[in-house]
């Protein structure tokens, strides 16, 4: 079976949470859903961690230090470099 995308995993995890919150599942089925949810949650965190590492690597300065800056929706490119020592 092909590996799920982050978005597919999140959608399935949200569905599992809704099913568990409804409280209509027998205990055995609820436990299986919970286990599945834990697996999906771990996969999502791993994907996020992998993506963050790629972004930090792409943002590295020439001297090897990372140019990290807080993310803001309304930030212009000149604002992103305001707090760095470039």
C-alpha atoms as a PDB file:
ATOM      1  CA  UNK A   1       0.000   0.000   0.000  1.00  0.00           C
ATOM      2  CA  UNK A   2       1.262   3.477  -0.871  1.00  0.00           C
ATOM      3  CA  UNK A   3       2.304   5.807   1.911  1.00  0.00           C
ATOM      4  CA  UNK A   4      -0.369   8.360   2.800  1.00  0.00           C
ATOM      5  CA  UNK A   5       0.200  12.053   2.389  1.00  0.00           C
ATOM      6  CA  UNK A   6       0.259  14.298   5.432  1.00  0.00           C
ATOM      7  CA  UNK A   7      -3.166  15.668   4.508  1.00  0.00           C
ATOM      8  CA  UNK A   8      -4.658  12.190   4.082  1.00  0.00           C
ATOM      9  CA  UNK A   9      -3.274  11.108   7.450  1.00  0.00           C
ATOM     10  CA  UNK A  10      -4.621  14.217   9.155  1.00  0.00           C
ATOM     11  CA  UNK A  11      -8.067  13.737   7.616  1.00  0.00           C
ATOM     12  CA  UNK A  12      -8.168  10.117   8.751  1.00  0.00           C
ATOM     13  CA  UNK A  13      -6.947  11.089  12.218  1.00  0.00           C
ATOM     14  CA  UNK A  14      -9.700  13.722  12.494  1.00  0.00           C
ATOM     15  CA  UNK A  15     -12.286  11.097  11.516  1.00  0.00           C
ATOM     16  CA  UNK A  16     -10.973   8.715  14.185  1.00  0.00           C
ATOM     17  CA  UNK A  17     -11.113  11.455  16.825  1.00  0.00           C
ATOM     18  CA  UNK A  18     -14.731  12.200  15.893  1.00  0.00           C
ATOM     19  CA  UNK A  19     -15.629   8.506  16.123  1.00  0.00           C
ATOM     20  CA  UNK A  20     -13.962   8.158  19.515  1.00  0.00           C
ATOM     21  CA  UNK A  21     -15.514  11.363  20.852  1.00  0.00           C
ATOM     22  CA  UNK A  22     -18.983  10.139  19.804  1.00  0.00           C
ATOM     23  CA  UNK A  23     -18.558   7.289  22.287  1.00  0.00           C
ATOM     24  CA  UNK A  24     -20.616   4.810  20.254  1.00  0.00           C
ATOM     25  CA  UNK A  25     -17.876   2.249  19.592  1.00  0.00           C
ATOM     26  CA  UNK A  26     -17.493  -0.997  21.512  1.00  0.00           C
ATOM     27  CA  UNK A  27     -14.370  -1.055  23.673  1.00  0.00           C
ATOM     28  CA  UNK A  28     -12.383  -3.391  21.401  1.00  0.00           C
ATOM     29  CA  UNK A  29     -13.119  -1.322  18.298  1.00  0.00           C
ATOM     30  CA  UNK A  30     -12.393   1.922  20.173  1.00  0.00           C
ATOM     31  CA  UNK A  31      -9.009   0.528  21.238  1.00  0.00           C
ATOM     32  CA  UNK A  32      -8.170  -0.434  17.637  1.00  0.00           C
ATOM     33  CA  UNK A  33      -9.181   3.045  16.447  1.00  0.00           C
ATOM     34  CA  UNK A  34      -7.071   4.608  19.207  1.00  0.00           C
ATOM     35  CA  UNK A  35      -4.044   2.528  18.165  1.00  0.00           C
ATOM     36  CA  UNK A  36      -4.583   3.524  14.543  1.00  0.00           C
ATOM     37  CA  UNK A  37      -4.839   7.171  15.595  1.00  0.00           C
ATOM     38  CA  UNK A  38      -1.587   6.973  17.545  1.00  0.00           C
ATOM     39  CA  UNK A  39       0.153   5.573  14.458  1.00  0.00           C
ATOM     40  CA  UNK A  40      -1.260   8.329  12.267  1.00  0.00           C
ATOM     41  CA  UNK A  41      -0.288  10.961  14.826  1.00  0.00           C
ATOM     42  CA  UNK A  42       3.298   9.692  14.912  1.00  0.00           C
ATOM     43  CA  UNK A  43       3.462   9.644  11.109  1.00  0.00           C
ATOM     44  CA  UNK A  44       2.215  13.241  10.977  1.00  0.00           C
ATOM     45  CA  UNK A  45       4.744  14.422  13.573  1.00  0.00           C
ATOM     46  CA  UNK A  46       7.548  12.662  11.686  1.00  0.00           C
ATOM     47  CA  UNK A  47       6.502  14.336   8.435  1.00  0.00           C
ATOM     48  CA  UNK A  48       6.347  17.751  10.142  1.00  0.00           C
ATOM     49  CA  UNK A  49       9.765  17.198  11.719  1.00  0.00           C
ATOM     50  CA  UNK A  50      11.221  16.119   8.372  1.00  0.00           C
ATOM     51  CA  UNK A  51       9.718  19.170   6.674  1.00  0.00           C
ATOM     52  CA  UNK A  52      11.068  21.509   9.361  1.00  0.00           C
ATOM     53  CA  UNK A  53      14.559  20.061   8.929  1.00  0.00           C
ATOM     54  CA  UNK A  54      14.372  20.596   5.170  1.00  0.00           C
ATOM     55  CA  UNK A  55      13.248  24.195   5.652  1.00  0.00           C
ATOM     56  CA  UNK A  56      16.031  24.931   8.149  1.00  0.00           C
ATOM     57  CA  UNK A  57      18.543  23.384   5.742  1.00  0.00           C
ATOM     58  CA  UNK A  58      17.247  25.559   2.915  1.00  0.00           C
ATOM     59  CA  UNK A  59      17.421  28.638   5.145  1.00  0.00           C
ATOM     60  CA  UNK A  60      21.056  28.090   6.183  1.00  0.00           C
ATOM     61  CA  UNK A  61      23.378  30.993   5.625  1.00  0.00           C
ATOM     62  CA  UNK A  62      26.653  30.566   3.766  1.00  0.00           C
ATOM     63  CA  UNK A  63      28.550  30.347   7.062  1.00  0.00           C
ATOM     64  CA  UNK A  64      26.466  27.296   8.050  1.00  0.00           C
ATOM     65  CA  UNK A  65      24.285  28.990  10.660  1.00  0.00           C
ATOM     66  CA  UNK A  66      20.530  28.802  10.277  1.00  0.00           C
ATOM     67  CA  UNK A  67      18.665  31.995   9.502  1.00  0.00           C
ATOM     68  CA  UNK A  68      15.563  31.297  11.551  1.00  0.00           C
ATOM     69  CA  UNK A  69      12.848  33.916  11.809  1.00  0.00           C
ATOM     70  CA  UNK A  70       9.314  33.816  13.190  1.00  0.00           C
ATOM     71  CA  UNK A  71       6.645  33.102  10.604  1.00  0.00           C
ATOM     72  CA  UNK A  72       4.002  35.760  10.114  1.00  0.00           C
ATOM     73  CA  UNK A  73       1.391  35.897   7.368  1.00  0.00           C
ATOM     74  CA  UNK A  74       1.858  39.603   6.659  1.00  0.00           C
ATOM     75  CA  UNK A  75       5.653  39.603   6.605  1.00  0.00           C
ATOM     76  CA  UNK A  76       7.403  41.094   3.597  1.00  0.00           C
ATOM     77  CA  UNK A  77      10.796  39.765   2.438  1.00  0.00           C
ATOM     78  CA  UNK A  78      12.578  42.825   3.880  1.00  0.00           C
ATOM     79  CA  UNK A  79      10.898  42.187   7.274  1.00  0.00           C
ATOM     80  CA  UNK A  80      12.230  38.597   7.381  1.00  0.00           C
ATOM     81  CA  UNK A  81      15.847  39.806   7.395  1.00  0.00           C
ATOM     82  CA  UNK A  82      15.287  42.582   9.931  1.00  0.00           C
ATOM     83  CA  UNK A  83      16.288  40.499  12.967  1.00  0.00           C
ATOM     84  CA  UNK A  84      19.209  38.636  11.390  1.00  0.00           C
ATOM     85  CA  UNK A  85      22.883  39.519  11.251  1.00  0.00           C
ATOM     86  CA  UNK A  86      23.251  39.363   7.479  1.00  0.00           C
END
